Amino acid sequence: MTIPLPRPLTPVPDDLSSVTLREGPPSLAELAKFYPARFTWEELKSFMRSGDLGLLKRDPVLQQRYKVWAEGIKQQHGTITNYLINVRLGWGTPPTAKTSPATMAQPLPEEPILSQDTSIFKPPYFTSTPSPEDVKIIFNDWPYSIPPEISHYLIWSRLPIVHPDLVHPSVKAQIERDGLWGFSGGTEDMKTREADYVDVAPGTSEEGRMYIRAAAQHTLDFVLTHWPEDEWEVAWFVNPPRLQSVKDLSHTHVFARRKL
């Protein structure tokens, strides 16, 4: 079973003269008028191939707007994670007057659990065929500084995406430092490159490449299922812990450009 993609956002109007700044997450029209893209699709992929995911950022002014919004969310819900689980993703109990922000977040599973077929155990990590109750795809409400024809999705998972059962000890430190990333749907000449689907930082040994690709296989397969190569060109990544703004809930960033 595939996880549904969110409905397309309202397109950017040709005339932006009447677009004004609001509070909270920006509309596509606001992004186009006030926070234009700071790098191209090719530059985005180049940043990822360099192995430095920290180069992928929001517009600095938009980042300040995000910080103001985030502080308000924390005051209302306790943490950004509480807000995501209970409101944005709809996985928890909606806040009420009798609900303390500190107790709203629902516990995330850490051990293998029974699936809907109670004879089958689910592994304690994200897989390419997850249960719908464990995964949701949404647009990033606060997208990075990308061209308007690129959609910035987030795959949120109740289960860990990077898990000890998937990561060989020899590449654990590297993945914790660099994260995971890859590409799909590129041109035919790109597909001949061994590193096209799951990429690795320059200087990684061949054995390290093999283990890193194995750690990312479920994520890659999920991306290929939900953004088919004949329809989309995709760049995706899982941030290392040092770059994660939401550390308590696993997620993958997906930049997708629909093919003409």
C-alpha atoms as a PDB file:
ATOM      1  CA  MET A   1       0.000   0.000   0.000  1.00  0.00           C
ATOM      2  CA  THR A   2       1.339   3.422  -0.946  1.00  0.00           C
ATOM      3  CA  ILE A   3       1.133   6.455   1.324  1.00  0.00           C
ATOM      4  CA  PRO A   4      -0.844   9.258  -0.379  1.00  0.00           C
ATOM      5  CA  LEU A   5       0.952  12.419  -1.439  1.00  0.00           C
ATOM      6  CA  PRO A   6      -0.573  15.668  -0.193  1.00  0.00           C
ATOM      7  CA  ARG A   7      -2.855  17.606  -2.489  1.00  0.00           C
ATOM      8  CA  PRO A   8      -1.033  20.151  -4.679  1.00  0.00           C
ATOM      9  CA  LEU A   9      -0.640  23.586  -3.171  1.00  0.00           C
ATOM     10  CA  THR A  10      -2.335  26.648  -4.660  1.00  0.00           C
ATOM     11  CA  PRO A  11      -0.267  27.698  -7.715  1.00  0.00           C
ATOM     12  CA  VAL A  12       1.677  30.944  -7.708  1.00  0.00           C
ATOM     13  CA  PRO A  13      -0.361  33.690  -9.434  1.00  0.00           C
ATOM     14  CA  ASP A  14       1.146  35.576 -12.367  1.00  0.00           C
ATOM     15  CA  ASP A  15       0.490  38.895 -10.651  1.00  0.00           C
ATOM     16  CA  LEU A  16       2.172  39.123  -7.240  1.00  0.00           C
ATOM     17  CA  SER A  17       1.444  42.798  -6.653  1.00  0.00           C
ATOM     18  CA  SER A  18      -1.339  42.109  -4.157  1.00  0.00           C
ATOM     19  CA  VAL A  19       0.588  39.465  -2.186  1.00  0.00           C
ATOM     20  CA  THR A  20       1.381  40.596   1.351  1.00  0.00           C
ATOM     21  CA  LEU A  21       3.336  39.066   4.209  1.00  0.00           C
ATOM     22  CA  ARG A  22       1.361  37.102   6.765  1.00  0.00           C
ATOM     23  CA  GLU A  23       2.283  35.376   9.993  1.00  0.00           C
ATOM     24  CA  GLY A  24       3.001  31.668  10.207  1.00  0.00           C
ATOM     25  CA  PRO A  25       4.011  29.344   7.354  1.00  0.00           C
ATOM     26  CA  PRO A  26       4.389  31.162   4.007  1.00  0.00           C
ATOM     27  CA  SER A  27       2.263  30.562   0.919  1.00  0.00           C
ATOM     28  CA  LEU A  28       3.885  29.762  -2.430  1.00  0.00           C
ATOM     29  CA  ALA A  29       3.014  33.286  -3.544  1.00  0.00           C
ATOM     30  CA  GLU A  30       4.824  34.753  -0.519  1.00  0.00           C
ATOM     31  CA  LEU A  31       7.848  32.586  -1.227  1.00  0.00           C
ATOM     32  CA  ALA A  32       7.935  33.739  -4.850  1.00  0.00           C
ATOM     33  CA  LYS A  33       7.643  37.442  -3.980  1.00  0.00           C
ATOM     34  CA  PHE A  34       9.556  37.836  -0.733  1.00  0.00           C
ATOM     35  CA  TYR A  35      11.880  34.807  -0.531  1.00  0.00           C
ATOM     36  CA  PRO A  36      13.019  33.974  -4.093  1.00  0.00           C
ATOM     37  CA  ALA A  37      15.192  30.906  -4.657  1.00  0.00           C
ATOM     38  CA  ARG A  38      18.820  31.312  -3.656  1.00  0.00           C
ATOM     39  CA  PHE A  39      20.065  28.262  -5.547  1.00  0.00           C
ATOM     40  CA  THR A  40      19.104  26.248  -8.622  1.00  0.00           C
ATOM     41  CA  TRP A  41      18.117  22.598  -8.973  1.00  0.00           C
ATOM     42  CA  GLU A  42      21.613  21.734 -10.206  1.00  0.00           C
ATOM     43  CA  GLU A  43      23.213  23.619  -7.323  1.00  0.00           C
ATOM     44  CA  LEU A  44      20.971  21.793  -4.852  1.00  0.00           C
ATOM     45  CA  LYS A  45      22.163  18.439  -6.187  1.00  0.00           C
ATOM     46  CA  SER A  46      25.753  19.656  -6.216  1.00  0.00           C
ATOM     47  CA  PHE A  47      25.536  20.630  -2.543  1.00  0.00           C
ATOM     48  CA  MET A  48      24.254  17.153  -1.733  1.00  0.00           C
ATOM     49  CA  ARG A  49      26.929  15.394  -3.774  1.00  0.00           C
ATOM     50  CA  SER A  50      29.593  17.376  -1.908  1.00  0.00           C
ATOM     51  CA  GLY A  51      28.537  15.594   1.277  1.00  0.00           C
ATOM     52  CA  ASP A  52      27.714  18.826   3.143  1.00  0.00           C
ATOM     53  CA  LEU A  53      23.952  18.848   3.751  1.00  0.00           C
ATOM     54  CA  GLY A  54      24.397  21.945   5.881  1.00  0.00           C
ATOM     55  CA  LEU A  55      24.566  23.989   2.651  1.00  0.00           C
ATOM     56  CA  LEU A  56      20.836  23.373   2.131  1.00  0.00           C
ATOM     57  CA  LYS A  57      19.037  26.141   3.993  1.00  0.00           C
ATOM     58  CA  ARG A  58      16.060  28.444   4.078  1.00  0.00           C
ATOM     59  CA  ASP A  59      16.245  32.057   3.056  1.00  0.00           C
ATOM     60  CA  PRO A  60      17.822  33.799   6.106  1.00  0.00           C
ATOM     61  CA  VAL A  61      14.850  36.157   6.506  1.00  0.00           C
ATOM     62  CA  LEU A  62      12.422  33.233   6.271  1.00  0.00           C
ATOM     63  CA  GLN A  63      14.511  31.388   8.868  1.00  0.00           C
ATOM     64  CA  GLN A  64      13.979  34.261  11.300  1.00  0.00           C
ATOM     65  CA  ARG A  65      10.247  34.139  10.582  1.00  0.00           C
ATOM     66  CA  TYR A  66      10.338  30.389  11.306  1.00  0.00           C
ATOM     67  CA  LYS A  67      12.059  30.959  14.656  1.00  0.00           C
ATOM     68  CA  VAL A  68       9.358  33.408  15.736  1.00  0.00           C
ATOM     69  CA  TRP A  69       6.640  30.956  14.698  1.00  0.00           C
ATOM     70  CA  ALA A  70       8.407  28.049  16.422  1.00  0.00           C
ATOM     71  CA  GLU A  71       8.597  29.920  19.729  1.00  0.00           C
ATOM     72  CA  GLY A  72       4.849  30.479  19.624  1.00  0.00           C
ATOM     73  CA  ILE A  73       4.247  26.813  18.842  1.00  0.00           C
ATOM     74  CA  LYS A  74       6.424  25.755  21.783  1.00  0.00           C
ATOM     75  CA  GLN A  75       4.507  28.020  24.135  1.00  0.00           C
ATOM     76  CA  GLN A  76       1.212  26.535  22.967  1.00  0.00           C
ATOM     77  CA  HIS A  77       2.152  22.858  22.589  1.00  0.00           C
ATOM     78  CA  GLY A  78       5.268  22.384  24.725  1.00  0.00           C
ATOM     79  CA  THR A  79       7.506  21.232  21.864  1.00  0.00           C
ATOM     80  CA  ILE A  80       7.575  21.238  18.069  1.00  0.00           C
ATOM     81  CA  THR A  81       7.366  17.434  18.240  1.00  0.00           C
ATOM     82  CA  ASN A  82       4.108  17.629  20.209  1.00  0.00           C
ATOM     83  CA  TYR A  83       2.681  19.997  17.599  1.00  0.00           C
ATOM     84  CA  LEU A  84       3.711  17.731  14.733  1.00  0.00           C
ATOM     85  CA  ILE A  85       2.413  14.512  16.285  1.00  0.00           C
ATOM     86  CA  ASN A  86      -0.842  15.866  17.612  1.00  0.00           C
ATOM     87  CA  VAL A  87      -1.767  18.598  15.128  1.00  0.00           C
ATOM     88  CA  ARG A  88       0.131  18.617  11.834  1.00  0.00           C
ATOM     89  CA  LEU A  89       0.340  14.840  11.415  1.00  0.00           C
ATOM     90  CA  GLY A  90      -2.774  13.925  13.370  1.00  0.00           C
ATOM     91  CA  TRP A  91      -1.133  11.042  15.196  1.00  0.00           C
ATOM     92  CA  GLY A  92      -2.023  12.053  18.748  1.00  0.00           C
ATOM     93  CA  THR A  93      -4.747  13.581  20.859  1.00  0.00           C
ATOM     94  CA  PRO A  94      -5.813  17.093  19.781  1.00  0.00           C
ATOM     95  CA  PRO A  95      -5.024  19.668  22.481  1.00  0.00           C
ATOM     96  CA  THR A  96      -7.855  20.489  24.887  1.00  0.00           C
ATOM     97  CA  ALA A  97      -8.186  22.587  28.002  1.00  0.00           C
ATOM     98  CA  LYS A  98      -7.664  19.441  30.076  1.00  0.00           C
ATOM     99  CA  THR A  99      -4.566  18.343  28.184  1.00  0.00           C
ATOM    100  CA  SER A 100      -1.126  19.352  29.374  1.00  0.00           C
ATOM    101  CA  PRO A 101       1.342  20.150  26.552  1.00  0.00           C
ATOM    102  CA  ALA A 102       3.918  17.954  28.256  1.00  0.00           C
ATOM    103  CA  THR A 103       1.678  14.886  28.008  1.00  0.00           C
ATOM    104  CA  MET A 104       0.148  15.322  24.554  1.00  0.00           C
ATOM    105  CA  ALA A 105       2.740  13.495  22.464  1.00  0.00           C
ATOM    106  CA  GLN A 106       1.900   9.846  21.982  1.00  0.00           C
ATOM    107  CA  PRO A 107       4.738   7.349  22.635  1.00  0.00           C
ATOM    108  CA  LEU A 108       6.630   6.142  19.594  1.00  0.00           C
ATOM    109  CA  PRO A 109       7.280   2.397  19.283  1.00  0.00           C
ATOM    110  CA  GLU A 110      10.784   1.192  20.052  1.00  0.00           C
ATOM    111  CA  GLU A 111      10.330  -2.586  19.805  1.00  0.00           C
ATOM    112  CA  PRO A 112       8.852  -4.829  17.085  1.00  0.00           C
ATOM    113  CA  ILE A 113       5.061  -4.571  17.167  1.00  0.00           C
ATOM    114  CA  LEU A 114       2.171  -6.501  15.707  1.00  0.00           C
ATOM    115  CA  SER A 115       0.841  -5.331  12.369  1.00  0.00           C
ATOM    116  CA  GLN A 116      -2.848  -5.387  11.445  1.00  0.00           C
ATOM    117  CA  ASP A 117      -2.291  -9.053  10.679  1.00  0.00           C
ATOM    118  CA  THR A 118      -1.535 -10.064  14.261  1.00  0.00           C
ATOM    119  CA  SER A 119       0.523 -13.029  13.104  1.00  0.00           C
ATOM    120  CA  ILE A 120       3.174 -10.736  11.601  1.00  0.00           C
ATOM    121  CA  PHE A 121       5.611  -8.582  13.535  1.00  0.00           C
ATOM    122  CA  LYS A 122       6.731  -5.255  12.111  1.00  0.00           C
ATOM    123  CA  PRO A 123      10.425  -4.420  12.433  1.00  0.00           C
ATOM    124  CA  PRO A 124      11.227  -1.522  14.776  1.00  0.00           C
ATOM    125  CA  TYR A 125      12.334   0.746  11.914  1.00  0.00           C
ATOM    126  CA  PHE A 126      11.012   2.452   8.777  1.00  0.00           C
ATOM    127  CA  THR A 127      10.635   0.144   5.771  1.00  0.00           C
ATOM    128  CA  SER A 128       9.802   0.677   2.113  1.00  0.00           C
ATOM    129  CA  THR A 129       6.295  -0.709   2.723  1.00  0.00           C
ATOM    130  CA  PRO A 130       5.211   0.886   6.013  1.00  0.00           C
ATOM    131  CA  SER A 131       1.805   0.749   7.634  1.00  0.00           C
ATOM    132  CA  PRO A 132      -0.210   3.893   6.809  1.00  0.00           C
ATOM    133  CA  GLU A 133      -0.575   4.696  10.503  1.00  0.00           C
ATOM    134  CA  ASP A 134       3.217   4.932  10.848  1.00  0.00           C
ATOM    135  CA  VAL A 135       4.104   7.264   7.966  1.00  0.00           C
ATOM    136  CA  LYS A 136       2.759  10.478   6.476  1.00  0.00           C
ATOM    137  CA  ILE A 137       3.956  12.602   3.553  1.00  0.00           C
ATOM    138  CA  ILE A 138       3.363  16.349   3.762  1.00  0.00           C
ATOM    139  CA  PHE A 139       4.763  19.471   2.157  1.00  0.00           C
ATOM    140  CA  ASN A 140       7.427  21.241   4.170  1.00  0.00           C
ATOM    141  CA  ASP A 141       5.574  24.237   5.617  1.00  0.00           C
ATOM    142  CA  TRP A 142       8.927  26.029   5.815  1.00  0.00           C
ATOM    143  CA  PRO A 143      10.705  25.001   2.598  1.00  0.00           C
ATOM    144  CA  TYR A 144      14.336  25.544   1.766  1.00  0.00           C
ATOM    145  CA  SER A 145      15.388  28.211  -0.730  1.00  0.00           C
ATOM    146  CA  ILE A 146      14.508  26.259  -3.884  1.00  0.00           C
ATOM    147  CA  PRO A 147      13.057  27.204  -7.301  1.00  0.00           C
ATOM    148  CA  PRO A 148       9.234  27.310  -7.456  1.00  0.00           C
ATOM    149  CA  GLU A 149       8.991  24.319  -9.805  1.00  0.00           C
ATOM    150  CA  ILE A 150      10.488  22.067  -7.116  1.00  0.00           C
ATOM    151  CA  SER A 151       8.246  20.712  -4.351  1.00  0.00           C
ATOM    152  CA  HIS A 152       9.769  20.179  -0.900  1.00  0.00           C
ATOM    153  CA  TYR A 153       8.130  17.181   0.784  1.00  0.00           C
ATOM    154  CA  LEU A 154       8.753  15.597   4.175  1.00  0.00           C
ATOM    155  CA  ILE A 155       8.303  11.895   4.916  1.00  0.00           C
ATOM    156  CA  TRP A 156       7.502  11.690   8.634  1.00  0.00           C
ATOM    157  CA  SER A 157       7.834   8.316  10.330  1.00  0.00           C
ATOM    158  CA  ARG A 158       6.829   7.080  13.774  1.00  0.00           C
ATOM    159  CA  LEU A 159       9.620   4.525  13.411  1.00  0.00           C
ATOM    160  CA  PRO A 160      13.348   5.312  13.102  1.00  0.00           C
ATOM    161  CA  ILE A 161      14.639   5.738   9.545  1.00  0.00           C
ATOM    162  CA  VAL A 162      18.254   5.219  10.615  1.00  0.00           C
ATOM    163  CA  HIS A 163      18.309   2.222  12.953  1.00  0.00           C
ATOM    164  CA  PRO A 164      21.124   0.022  14.378  1.00  0.00           C
ATOM    165  CA  ASP A 165      19.656  -3.031  12.625  1.00  0.00           C
ATOM    166  CA  LEU A 166      20.196  -1.281   9.267  1.00  0.00           C
ATOM    167  CA  VAL A 167      23.578   0.353   9.867  1.00  0.00           C
ATOM    168  CA  HIS A 168      26.833  -1.603   9.785  1.00  0.00           C
ATOM    169  CA  PRO A 169      29.106  -0.575  12.697  1.00  0.00           C
ATOM    170  CA  SER A 170      31.872   0.450  10.293  1.00  0.00           C
ATOM    171  CA  VAL A 171      29.761   3.282   8.799  1.00  0.00           C
ATOM    172  CA  LYS A 172      27.795   4.290  11.907  1.00  0.00           C
ATOM    173  CA  ALA A 173      29.992   7.313  12.674  1.00  0.00           C
ATOM    174  CA  GLN A 174      29.994   8.443   9.037  1.00  0.00           C
ATOM    175  CA  ILE A 175      26.193   8.322   8.754  1.00  0.00           C
ATOM    176  CA  GLU A 176      25.830  10.146  12.081  1.00  0.00           C
ATOM    177  CA  ARG A 177      28.174  12.830  10.745  1.00  0.00           C
ATOM    178  CA  ASP A 178      26.974  13.115   7.127  1.00  0.00           C
ATOM    179  CA  GLY A 179      23.441  11.675   6.963  1.00  0.00           C
ATOM    180  CA  LEU A 180      22.045   9.806   3.944  1.00  0.00           C
ATOM    181  CA  TRP A 181      21.102  11.110   0.511  1.00  0.00           C
ATOM    182  CA  GLY A 182      20.381  10.026  -3.037  1.00  0.00           C
ATOM    183  CA  PHE A 183      18.838  10.818  -6.401  1.00  0.00           C
ATOM    184  CA  SER A 184      16.395   9.278  -8.852  1.00  0.00           C
ATOM    185  CA  GLY A 185      14.706  10.058 -12.149  1.00  0.00           C
ATOM    186  CA  GLY A 186      17.726  11.747 -13.697  1.00  0.00           C
ATOM    187  CA  THR A 187      18.840  11.624 -17.304  1.00  0.00           C
ATOM    188  CA  GLU A 188      20.007   8.383 -18.852  1.00  0.00           C
ATOM    189  CA  ASP A 189      23.663   9.371 -18.614  1.00  0.00           C
ATOM    190  CA  MET A 190      23.208  10.020 -14.878  1.00  0.00           C
ATOM    191  CA  LYS A 191      21.723   6.575 -14.387  1.00  0.00           C
ATOM    192  CA  THR A 192      24.958   4.996 -15.568  1.00  0.00           C
ATOM    193  CA  ARG A 193      26.677   6.407 -12.492  1.00  0.00           C
ATOM    194  CA  GLU A 194      26.931   3.878  -9.695  1.00  0.00           C
ATOM    195  CA  ALA A 195      26.221   6.556  -7.074  1.00  0.00           C
ATOM    196  CA  ASP A 196      23.092   7.960  -8.709  1.00  0.00           C
ATOM    197  CA  TYR A 197      20.511   6.338  -6.434  1.00  0.00           C
ATOM    198  CA  VAL A 198      22.255   6.447  -3.047  1.00  0.00           C
ATOM    199  CA  ASP A 199      25.219   8.782  -2.963  1.00  0.00           C
ATOM    200  CA  VAL A 200      28.093   8.919  -0.485  1.00  0.00           C
ATOM    201  CA  ALA A 201      30.633  11.499   0.617  1.00  0.00           C
ATOM    202  CA  PRO A 202      33.833  11.808  -1.437  1.00  0.00           C
ATOM    203  CA  GLY A 203      36.602   9.527  -0.218  1.00  0.00           C
ATOM    204  CA  THR A 204      34.310   6.762   1.070  1.00  0.00           C
ATOM    205  CA  SER A 205      35.743   3.260   0.575  1.00  0.00           C
ATOM    206  CA  GLU A 206      33.986   0.751  -1.671  1.00  0.00           C
ATOM    207  CA  GLU A 207      33.020  -1.309   1.369  1.00  0.00           C
ATOM    208  CA  GLY A 208      31.678   1.819   3.036  1.00  0.00           C
ATOM    209  CA  ARG A 209      29.630   2.637  -0.071  1.00  0.00           C
ATOM    210  CA  MET A 210      28.050  -0.798   0.053  1.00  0.00           C
ATOM    211  CA  TYR A 211      27.077  -0.505   3.715  1.00  0.00           C
ATOM    212  CA  ILE A 212      25.730   3.048   3.341  1.00  0.00           C
ATOM    213  CA  ARG A 213      23.583   2.031   0.387  1.00  0.00           C
ATOM    214  CA  ALA A 214      22.263  -0.900   2.385  1.00  0.00           C
ATOM    215  CA  ALA A 215      21.337   1.455   5.245  1.00  0.00           C
ATOM    216  CA  ALA A 216      19.426   3.681   2.806  1.00  0.00           C
ATOM    217  CA  GLN A 217      17.732   0.963   0.750  1.00  0.00           C
ATOM    218  CA  HIS A 218      14.308   1.168   2.427  1.00  0.00           C
ATOM    219  CA  THR A 219      14.231   4.936   2.021  1.00  0.00           C
ATOM    220  CA  LEU A 220      15.278   4.729  -1.623  1.00  0.00           C
ATOM    221  CA  ASP A 221      12.673   2.075  -2.424  1.00  0.00           C
ATOM    222  CA  PHE A 222       9.975   4.166  -0.718  1.00  0.00           C
ATOM    223  CA  VAL A 223      10.975   7.220  -2.767  1.00  0.00           C
ATOM    224  CA  LEU A 224      10.951   5.260  -6.035  1.00  0.00           C
ATOM    225  CA  THR A 225       7.471   3.926  -5.251  1.00  0.00           C
ATOM    226  CA  HIS A 226       5.928   7.283  -4.388  1.00  0.00           C
ATOM    227  CA  TRP A 227       7.794   9.465  -6.898  1.00  0.00           C
ATOM    228  CA  PRO A 228       8.151   7.181  -9.960  1.00  0.00           C
ATOM    229  CA  GLU A 229      11.168   7.889 -12.132  1.00  0.00           C
ATOM    230  CA  ASP A 230       9.121   8.287 -15.291  1.00  0.00           C
ATOM    231  CA  GLU A 231       7.209  11.160 -13.644  1.00  0.00           C
ATOM    232  CA  TRP A 232       9.646  12.799 -11.237  1.00  0.00           C
ATOM    233  CA  GLU A 233      13.267  13.809 -10.835  1.00  0.00           C
ATOM    234  CA  VAL A 234      14.069  13.574  -7.132  1.00  0.00           C
ATOM    235  CA  ALA A 235      16.798  14.441  -4.656  1.00  0.00           C
ATOM    236  CA  TRP A 236      16.271  13.209  -1.098  1.00  0.00           C
ATOM    237  CA  PHE A 237      18.200  13.226   2.147  1.00  0.00           C
ATOM    238  CA  VAL A 238      18.083  12.323   5.828  1.00  0.00           C
ATOM    239  CA  ASN A 239      19.865  14.967   7.878  1.00  0.00           C
ATOM    240  CA  PRO A 240      22.503  13.907  10.403  1.00  0.00           C
ATOM    241  CA  PRO A 241      21.568  14.631  14.036  1.00  0.00           C
ATOM    242  CA  ARG A 242      23.654  17.826  14.150  1.00  0.00           C
ATOM    243  CA  LEU A 243      21.472  19.394  11.423  1.00  0.00           C
ATOM    244  CA  GLN A 244      18.061  18.159  12.547  1.00  0.00           C
ATOM    245  CA  SER A 245      15.705  20.840  13.839  1.00  0.00           C
ATOM    246  CA  VAL A 246      13.248  18.128  14.981  1.00  0.00           C
ATOM    247  CA  LYS A 247      15.365  15.392  16.543  1.00  0.00           C
ATOM    248  CA  ASP A 248      12.625  13.320  18.198  1.00  0.00           C
ATOM    249  CA  LEU A 249      10.703  12.351  15.061  1.00  0.00           C
ATOM    250  CA  SER A 250      12.334  10.667  12.065  1.00  0.00           C
ATOM    251  CA  HIS A 251      11.917  12.338   8.697  1.00  0.00           C
ATOM    252  CA  THR A 252      13.309  12.430   5.188  1.00  0.00           C
ATOM    253  CA  HIS A 253      13.469  15.525   2.980  1.00  0.00           C
ATOM    254  CA  VAL A 254      12.368  15.006  -0.629  1.00  0.00           C
ATOM    255  CA  PHE A 255      12.881  17.582  -3.386  1.00  0.00           C
ATOM    256  CA  ALA A 256      10.802  16.553  -6.389  1.00  0.00           C
ATOM    257  CA  ARG A 257      10.523  18.132  -9.832  1.00  0.00           C
ATOM    258  CA  ARG A 258       7.768  16.802 -12.067  1.00  0.00           C
ATOM    259  CA  LYS A 259       8.897  15.889 -15.558  1.00  0.00           C
ATOM    260  CA  LEU A 260       7.186  17.565 -18.519  1.00  0.00           C
END
